[in-house]
C-alpha atoms as a PDB file:
ATOM      1  CA  MET A   1      60.835  25.548 138.848  1.00  0.00           C
ATOM      2  CA  SER A   2      58.345  23.840 141.128  1.00  0.00           C
ATOM      3  CA  SER A   3      55.831  21.326 139.767  1.00  0.00           C
ATOM      4  CA  PRO A   4      52.340  22.656 138.984  1.00  0.00           C
ATOM      5  CA  ARG A   5      49.134  21.262 140.453  1.00  0.00           C
ATOM      6  CA  LYS A   6      45.581  21.581 139.250  1.00  0.00           C
ATOM      7  CA  ALA A   7      43.898  24.788 140.323  1.00  0.00           C
ATOM      8  CA  ALA A   8      41.157  24.687 142.937  1.00  0.00           C
ATOM      9  CA  LEU A   9      40.947  28.408 143.629  1.00  0.00           C
ATOM     10  CA  PRO A  10      38.801  31.068 141.925  1.00  0.00           C
ATOM     11  CA  ALA A  11      40.601  33.658 139.831  1.00  0.00           C
ATOM     12  CA  SER A  12      41.735  36.823 141.494  1.00  0.00           C
ATOM     13  CA  ASN A  13      43.723  37.972 138.485  1.00  0.00           C
ATOM     14  CA  GLN A  14      42.167  41.308 137.496  1.00  0.00           C
ATOM     15  CA  LEU A  15      42.184  40.518 133.792  1.00  0.00           C
ATOM     16  CA  LEU A  16      40.375  37.207 134.238  1.00  0.00           C
ATOM     17  CA  ALA A  17      37.922  38.881 136.598  1.00  0.00           C
ATOM     18  CA  LEU A  18      36.753  41.063 133.684  1.00  0.00           C
ATOM     19  CA  LEU A  19      35.584  38.035 131.698  1.00  0.00           C
ATOM     20  CA  PRO A  20      31.921  36.981 131.807  1.00  0.00           C
ATOM     21  CA  GLY A  21      31.341  34.177 134.303  1.00  0.00           C
ATOM     22  CA  GLU A  22      30.976  31.272 131.861  1.00  0.00           C
ATOM     23  CA  ASP A  23      34.008  32.288 129.779  1.00  0.00           C
ATOM     24  CA  ARG A  24      36.101  32.708 132.928  1.00  0.00           C
ATOM     25  CA  LYS A  25      34.969  29.370 134.350  1.00  0.00           C
ATOM     26  CA  ARG A  26      35.758  27.544 131.110  1.00  0.00           C
ATOM     27  CA  LEU A  27      39.204  29.123 130.853  1.00  0.00           C
ATOM     28  CA  LEU A  28      40.042  28.348 134.470  1.00  0.00           C
ATOM     29  CA  ALA A  29      39.045  24.725 133.955  1.00  0.00           C
ATOM     30  CA  ARG A  30      41.992  24.458 131.564  1.00  0.00           C
ATOM     31  CA  CYS A  31      44.386  26.196 133.957  1.00  0.00           C
ATOM     32  CA  GLU A  32      46.691  24.889 136.640  1.00  0.00           C
ATOM     33  CA  ARG A  33      48.166  26.731 139.577  1.00  0.00           C
ATOM     34  CA  ILE A  34      51.907  27.289 139.246  1.00  0.00           C
ATOM     35  CA  GLU A  35      54.249  28.740 141.829  1.00  0.00           C
ATOM     36  CA  LEU A  36      56.258  31.770 140.719  1.00  0.00           C
ATOM     37  CA  VAL A  37      59.760  31.391 142.128  1.00  0.00           C
ATOM     38  CA  GLU A  38      61.949  34.486 142.312  1.00  0.00           C
ATOM     39  CA  SER A  39      64.619  34.603 139.562  1.00  0.00           C
ATOM     40  CA  ASP A  40      62.993  31.822 137.512  1.00  0.00           C
ATOM     41  CA  VAL A  41      62.992  32.494 133.759  1.00  0.00           C
ATOM     42  CA  LEU A  42      59.564  31.621 132.352  1.00  0.00           C
ATOM     43  CA  CYS A  43      60.500  32.143 128.717  1.00  0.00           C
ATOM     44  CA  GLU A  44      63.451  33.314 126.663  1.00  0.00           C
ATOM     45  CA  ARG A  45      63.542  35.655 123.699  1.00  0.00           C
ATOM     46  CA  GLY A  46      63.437  33.741 120.444  1.00  0.00           C
ATOM     47  CA  GLN A  47      61.975  30.593 122.003  1.00  0.00           C
ATOM     48  CA  ARG A  48      58.531  29.097 121.556  1.00  0.00           C
ATOM     49  CA  THR A  49      55.873  30.279 124.019  1.00  0.00           C
ATOM     50  CA  ASP A  50      54.473  27.124 125.589  1.00  0.00           C
ATOM     51  CA  HIS A  51      52.231  28.664 128.260  1.00  0.00           C
ATOM     52  CA  VAL A  52      50.200  31.726 129.162  1.00  0.00           C
ATOM     53  CA  TYR A  53      50.396  32.956 132.763  1.00  0.00           C
ATOM     54  CA  PHE A  54      47.816  34.987 134.674  1.00  0.00           C
ATOM     55  CA  PRO A  55      49.600  36.091 137.884  1.00  0.00           C
ATOM     56  CA  VAL A  56      47.539  36.208 141.055  1.00  0.00           C
ATOM     57  CA  GLU A  57      50.371  36.982 143.447  1.00  0.00           C
ATOM     58  CA  GLY A  58      53.893  37.910 142.388  1.00  0.00           C
ATOM     59  CA  TYR A  59      55.130  39.782 139.348  1.00  0.00           C
ATOM     60  CA  ILE A  60      57.185  39.180 136.220  1.00  0.00           C
ATOM     61  CA  SER A  61      59.672  41.451 134.452  1.00  0.00           C
ATOM     62  CA  LEU A  62      59.627  41.653 130.660  1.00  0.00           C
ATOM     63  CA  ILE A  63      63.218  42.183 129.580  1.00  0.00           C
ATOM     64  CA  THR A  64      64.597  43.130 126.183  1.00  0.00           C
ATOM     65  CA  LEU A  65      68.111  41.757 125.738  1.00  0.00           C
ATOM     66  CA  VAL A  66      70.809  43.687 123.907  1.00  0.00           C
ATOM     67  CA  ASP A  67      73.709  41.793 122.318  1.00  0.00           C
ATOM     68  CA  ARG A  68      72.401  38.658 124.089  1.00  0.00           C
ATOM     69  CA  ARG A  69      73.946  39.863 127.312  1.00  0.00           C
ATOM     70  CA  ASP A  70      72.651  43.143 128.721  1.00  0.00           C
ATOM     71  CA  GLY A  71      68.973  43.658 129.393  1.00  0.00           C
ATOM     72  CA  LEU A  72      66.494  46.460 129.976  1.00  0.00           C
ATOM     73  CA  GLU A  73      63.089  46.035 131.594  1.00  0.00           C
ATOM     74  CA  VAL A  74      60.333  47.207 129.253  1.00  0.00           C
ATOM     75  CA  GLY A  75      57.335  45.931 131.192  1.00  0.00           C
ATOM     76  CA  LEU A  76      56.139  44.503 134.483  1.00  0.00           C
ATOM     77  CA  VAL A  77      53.249  42.040 134.750  1.00  0.00           C
ATOM     78  CA  GLY A  78      51.340  41.301 137.944  1.00  0.00           C
ATOM     79  CA  ALA A  79      47.763  40.477 138.863  1.00  0.00           C
ATOM     80  CA  GLU A  80      46.534  43.194 136.496  1.00  0.00           C
ATOM     81  CA  GLY A  81      47.673  41.337 133.384  1.00  0.00           C
ATOM     82  CA  MET A  82      49.080  38.267 131.681  1.00  0.00           C
ATOM     83  CA  LEU A  83      52.270  36.836 130.237  1.00  0.00           C
ATOM     84  CA  GLY A  84      52.045  35.352 126.749  1.00  0.00           C
ATOM     85  CA  THR A  85      50.294  38.051 124.734  1.00  0.00           C
ATOM     86  CA  SER A  86      52.159  36.997 121.579  1.00  0.00           C
ATOM     87  CA  LEU A  87      49.945  33.879 121.412  1.00  0.00           C
ATOM     88  CA  ALA A  88      46.861  36.100 121.356  1.00  0.00           C
ATOM     89  CA  LEU A  89      48.303  37.685 118.210  1.00  0.00           C
ATOM     90  CA  GLY A  90      49.034  34.338 116.564  1.00  0.00           C
ATOM     91  CA  VAL A  91      52.794  34.523 117.194  1.00  0.00           C
ATOM     92  CA  GLU A  92      54.414  31.547 118.930  1.00  0.00           C
ATOM     93  CA  ILE A  93      57.899  32.999 119.437  1.00  0.00           C
ATOM     94  CA  SER A  94      58.610  35.256 122.421  1.00  0.00           C
ATOM     95  CA  SER A  95      60.251  38.624 121.754  1.00  0.00           C
ATOM     96  CA  GLN A  96      61.355  39.140 125.386  1.00  0.00           C
ATOM     97  CA  GLN A  97      62.755  37.294 128.329  1.00  0.00           C
ATOM     98  CA  ALA A  98      60.272  36.838 131.188  1.00  0.00           C
ATOM     99  CA  LEU A  99      61.889  36.796 134.642  1.00  0.00           C
ATOM    100  CA  VAL A 100      60.036  36.274 137.923  1.00  0.00           C
ATOM    101  CA  GLN A 101      60.877  39.274 140.044  1.00  0.00           C
ATOM    102  CA  GLY A 102      58.453  38.762 142.939  1.00  0.00           C
ATOM    103  CA  PRO A 103      57.381  35.313 144.152  1.00  0.00           C
ATOM    104  CA  GLY A 104      53.778  34.176 144.315  1.00  0.00           C
ATOM    105  CA  PHE A 105      51.584  32.087 142.064  1.00  0.00           C
ATOM    106  CA  ALA A 106      49.809  32.261 138.729  1.00  0.00           C
ATOM    107  CA  MET A 107      47.121  30.458 136.786  1.00  0.00           C
ATOM    108  CA  ARG A 108      48.825  28.799 133.811  1.00  0.00           C
ATOM    109  CA  ILE A 109      47.318  27.405 130.629  1.00  0.00           C
ATOM    110  CA  GLY A 110      49.084  25.576 127.800  1.00  0.00           C
ATOM    111  CA  ALA A 111      49.407  27.240 124.411  1.00  0.00           C
ATOM    112  CA  ALA A 112      47.064  24.794 122.644  1.00  0.00           C
ATOM    113  CA  GLY A 113      44.338  25.124 125.284  1.00  0.00           C
ATOM    114  CA  PHE A 114      44.684  28.912 125.242  1.00  0.00           C
ATOM    115  CA  ARG A 115      44.272  29.036 121.467  1.00  0.00           C
ATOM    116  CA  ARG A 116      41.143  26.880 121.686  1.00  0.00           C
ATOM    117  CA  GLU A 117      39.593  29.175 124.279  1.00  0.00           C
ATOM    118  CA  LEU A 118      40.589  32.228 122.271  1.00  0.00           C
ATOM    119  CA  ALA A 119      38.865  30.829 119.177  1.00  0.00           C
ATOM    120  CA  ARG A 120      35.749  29.992 121.189  1.00  0.00           C
ATOM    121  CA  SER A 121      35.327  33.163 123.276  1.00  0.00           C
ATOM    122  CA  ASP A 122      34.547  36.533 121.704  1.00  0.00           C
ATOM    123  CA  PRO A 123      34.765  38.285 125.118  1.00  0.00           C
ATOM    124  CA  LEU A 124      38.260  36.849 125.675  1.00  0.00           C
ATOM    125  CA  ARG A 125      39.458  38.083 122.275  1.00  0.00           C
ATOM    126  CA  ARG A 126      38.057  41.556 122.868  1.00  0.00           C
ATOM    127  CA  LEU A 127      39.503  41.757 126.383  1.00  0.00           C
ATOM    128  CA  LEU A 128      42.985  40.660 125.325  1.00  0.00           C
ATOM    129  CA  GLY A 129      42.919  43.083 122.402  1.00  0.00           C
ATOM    130  CA  ARG A 130      42.339  45.930 124.856  1.00  0.00           C
ATOM    131  CA  TYR A 131      44.995  44.610 127.237  1.00  0.00           C
ATOM    132  CA  ILE A 132      47.584  44.353 124.458  1.00  0.00           C
ATOM    133  CA  HIS A 133      46.811  47.952 123.493  1.00  0.00           C
ATOM    134  CA  VAL A 134      47.501  49.024 127.109  1.00  0.00           C
ATOM    135  CA  LEU A 135      50.704  46.964 127.269  1.00  0.00           C
ATOM    136  CA  MET A 136      52.010  48.486 124.033  1.00  0.00           C
ATOM    137  CA  ALA A 137      51.241  51.991 125.323  1.00  0.00           C
ATOM    138  CA  GLN A 138      53.074  51.252 128.577  1.00  0.00           C
ATOM    139  CA  MET A 139      56.113  49.906 126.731  1.00  0.00           C
ATOM    140  CA  ALA A 140      56.218  53.019 124.549  1.00  0.00           C
ATOM    141  CA  GLN A 141      55.984  55.165 127.682  1.00  0.00           C
ATOM    142  CA  ALA A 142      58.842  53.195 129.275  1.00  0.00           C
ATOM    143  CA  GLY A 143      61.048  53.933 126.264  1.00  0.00           C
ATOM    144  CA  ALA A 144      60.333  57.663 126.467  1.00  0.00           C
ATOM    145  CA  CYS A 145      60.875  57.635 130.230  1.00  0.00           C
ATOM    146  CA  THR A 146      64.310  56.015 129.841  1.00  0.00           C
ATOM    147  CA  ARG A 147      65.342  58.673 127.347  1.00  0.00           C
ATOM    148  CA  PHE A 148      64.015  61.853 128.961  1.00  0.00           C
ATOM    149  CA  HIS A 149      63.589  61.517 132.727  1.00  0.00           C
ATOM    150  CA  LEU A 150      66.077  61.816 135.571  1.00  0.00           C
ATOM    151  CA  LEU A 151      67.215  58.654 137.311  1.00  0.00           C
ATOM    152  CA  GLU A 152      65.770  59.497 140.734  1.00  0.00           C
ATOM    153  CA  ALA A 153      62.305  59.977 139.226  1.00  0.00           C
ATOM    154  CA  ARG A 154      62.660  56.740 137.249  1.00  0.00           C
ATOM    155  CA  VAL A 155      63.665  54.825 140.380  1.00  0.00           C
ATOM    156  CA  ALA A 156      60.638  56.236 142.227  1.00  0.00           C
ATOM    157  CA  ARG A 157      58.393  55.190 139.333  1.00  0.00           C
ATOM    158  CA  TRP A 158      59.829  51.677 139.286  1.00  0.00           C
ATOM    159  CA  LEU A 159      59.376  51.286 143.052  1.00  0.00           C
ATOM    160  CA  LEU A 160      55.726  52.360 142.742  1.00  0.00           C
ATOM    161  CA  MET A 161      55.129  49.903 139.894  1.00  0.00           C
ATOM    162  CA  THR A 162      56.550  47.101 142.020  1.00  0.00           C
ATOM    163  CA  LEU A 163      54.600  48.219 145.098  1.00  0.00           C
ATOM    164  CA  ASP A 164      51.358  48.022 143.114  1.00  0.00           C
ATOM    165  CA  ARG A 165      52.070  44.367 142.332  1.00  0.00           C
ATOM    166  CA  CYS A 166      53.291  43.076 145.705  1.00  0.00           C
ATOM    167  CA  ARG A 167      51.537  42.399 148.988  1.00  0.00           C
ATOM    168  CA  GLY A 168      52.375  44.887 151.719  1.00  0.00           C
ATOM    169  CA  ASP A 169      54.776  47.811 151.714  1.00  0.00           C
ATOM    170  CA  SER A 170      58.061  45.865 151.489  1.00  0.00           C
ATOM    171  CA  PHE A 171      59.749  43.766 148.828  1.00  0.00           C
ATOM    172  CA  HIS A 172      63.137  42.240 148.098  1.00  0.00           C
ATOM    173  CA  LEU A 173      65.419  44.193 145.782  1.00  0.00           C
ATOM    174  CA  THR A 174      69.148  44.417 145.142  1.00  0.00           C
ATOM    175  CA  GLN A 175      70.680  47.560 143.714  1.00  0.00           C
ATOM    176  CA  SER A 176      72.512  45.523 141.067  1.00  0.00           C
ATOM    177  CA  PHE A 177      69.199  44.070 139.874  1.00  0.00           C
ATOM    178  CA  LEU A 178      67.544  47.493 139.739  1.00  0.00           C
ATOM    179  CA  ALA A 179      70.547  48.865 137.834  1.00  0.00           C
ATOM    180  CA  CYS A 180      70.087  46.095 135.283  1.00  0.00           C
ATOM    181  CA  MET A 181      66.341  46.704 134.989  1.00  0.00           C
ATOM    182  CA  LEU A 182      66.809  50.443 134.408  1.00  0.00           C
ATOM    183  CA  GLY A 183      69.914  50.118 132.243  1.00  0.00           C
ATOM    184  CA  MET A 184      72.060  52.230 134.580  1.00  0.00           C
ATOM    185  CA  ARG A 185      75.292  51.854 136.499  1.00  0.00           C
ATOM    186  CA  ARG A 186      74.947  50.659 140.086  1.00  0.00           C
ATOM    187  CA  VAL A 187      76.529  53.831 141.495  1.00  0.00           C
ATOM    188  CA  GLY A 188      73.710  55.877 139.972  1.00  0.00           C
ATOM    189  CA  ILE A 189      71.097  53.610 141.552  1.00  0.00           C
ATOM    190  CA  THR A 190      72.874  53.891 144.922  1.00  0.00           C
ATOM    191  CA  ASN A 191      72.769  57.680 144.754  1.00  0.00           C
ATOM    192  CA  ALA A 192      69.119  57.799 143.667  1.00  0.00           C
ATOM    193  CA  ALA A 193      67.990  55.344 146.342  1.00  0.00           C
ATOM    194  CA  GLY A 194      70.009  57.246 148.935  1.00  0.00           C
ATOM    195  CA  ALA A 195      68.265  60.493 147.993  1.00  0.00           C
ATOM    196  CA  LEU A 196      64.848  58.840 148.414  1.00  0.00           C
ATOM    197  CA  GLN A 197      65.903  57.493 151.805  1.00  0.00           C
ATOM    198  CA  ARG A 198      67.107  60.895 153.001  1.00  0.00           C
ATOM    199  CA  ARG A 199      63.694  62.289 152.109  1.00  0.00           C
ATOM    200  CA  LYS A 200      62.190  59.490 154.247  1.00  0.00           C
ATOM    201  CA  LEU A 201      60.187  58.141 151.327  1.00  0.00           C
ATOM    202  CA  ILE A 202      61.708  54.667 151.554  1.00  0.00           C
ATOM    203  CA  SER A 203      63.984  52.631 153.777  1.00  0.00           C
ATOM    204  CA  TYR A 204      66.464  50.159 152.344  1.00  0.00           C
ATOM    205  CA  ALA A 205      68.389  47.580 154.366  1.00  0.00           C
ATOM    206  CA  ARG A 206      69.738  44.108 153.614  1.00  0.00           C
ATOM    207  CA  GLY A 207      68.077  43.960 150.243  1.00  0.00           C
ATOM    208  CA  ILE A 208      64.594  44.903 151.506  1.00  0.00           C
ATOM    209  CA  VAL A 209      62.876  48.082 150.320  1.00  0.00           C
ATOM    210  CA  THR A 210      60.054  49.472 152.469  1.00  0.00           C
ATOM    211  CA  VAL A 211      57.921  52.318 151.163  1.00  0.00           C
ATOM    212  CA  LEU A 212      57.368  54.762 154.034  1.00  0.00           C
ATOM    213  CA  ASP A 213      55.520  57.528 152.215  1.00  0.00           C
ATOM    214  CA  ARG A 214      53.643  56.443 149.106  1.00  0.00           C
ATOM    215  CA  ARG A 215      52.214  59.892 148.396  1.00  0.00           C
ATOM    216  CA  GLY A 216      55.653  61.435 148.652  1.00  0.00           C
ATOM    217  CA  LEU A 217      57.094  58.746 146.386  1.00  0.00           C
ATOM    218  CA  GLU A 218      54.419  59.498 143.791  1.00  0.00           C
ATOM    219  CA  ALA A 219      55.405  63.176 143.950  1.00  0.00           C
ATOM    220  CA  ALA A 220      59.057  62.205 143.431  1.00  0.00           C
ATOM    221  CA  SER A 221      58.205  60.003 140.456  1.00  0.00           C
ATOM    222  CA  CYS A 222      57.958  61.217 136.895  1.00  0.00           C
ATOM    223  CA  GLY A 223      54.523  61.575 135.319  1.00  0.00           C
ATOM    224  CA  CYS A 224      54.934  58.253 133.482  1.00  0.00           C
ATOM    225  CA  TYR A 225      53.685  56.358 136.513  1.00  0.00           C
ATOM    226  CA  ARG A 226      50.336  58.134 136.439  1.00  0.00           C
ATOM    227  CA  VAL A 227      50.134  57.874 132.635  1.00  0.00           C
ATOM    228  CA  ASP A 228      50.508  54.084 132.858  1.00  0.00           C
ATOM    229  CA  ARG A 229      47.830  53.735 135.530  1.00  0.00           C
ATOM    230  CA  ASP A 230      45.445  56.067 133.694  1.00  0.00           C
ATOM    231  CA  ALA A 231      45.920  54.096 130.453  1.00  0.00           C
ATOM    232  CA  TYR A 232      44.937  50.855 132.171  1.00  0.00           C
ATOM    233  CA  THR A 233      41.917  52.421 133.868  1.00  0.00           C
ATOM    234  CA  ALA A 234      40.706  54.144 130.714  1.00  0.00           C
ATOM    235  CA  VAL A 235      40.800  50.999 128.584  1.00  0.00           C
ATOM    236  CA  LEU A 236      40.129  48.206 131.086  1.00  0.00           C
ATOM    237  CA  GLY A 237      38.604  49.944 134.101  1.00  0.00           C
ATOM    238  CA  GLY A 238      39.663  49.349 137.717  1.00  0.00           C
END
């Protein structure tokens, strides 16, 4: 992982932007800018959470491991949220693995500094309480989606979630990685992605996915995508 350097940029993380000016300024003064490098593991399940991350560019997969080997993505964090919510609840041990899926950068604060700001700022506590509520609702929705919805619709939903958190209409993705994230065999992912390509909703070549028709991809997705977005808007605005 690359070395951090002190932040000199204003926050463009949506969650931080909701804080009152003085609370945001004080929190940012404790932060440093850290590069998010694709495939870096920021924390492991069962290990102490040393930092909180507020992504500005890039996105992070929250992965639940099964039998310490296989994993399933249960959440995706980009500029709309934060990594390290367990610390806001007074829990120092992470319950998931956090894997950088899309490169970029984040504002990072150490656990001790974060706890001090949390104790000092009523607006920060209220904001993170609402965000944790949204994150829990999205994780519950992800579990129901995995159980009840067809793979093609789930793939479309996952592509839209990633698109919302990346810059532009294209992003790097391997079918083996997507199969792991969705808990499916690679052949199923190949068939689902192929069906979306034939409908001219996406193009996929050399590990790069380009969304050609966002509206069509939303129509192909299950309703969970809209439920997730509506939950965030209803509780946090935006």
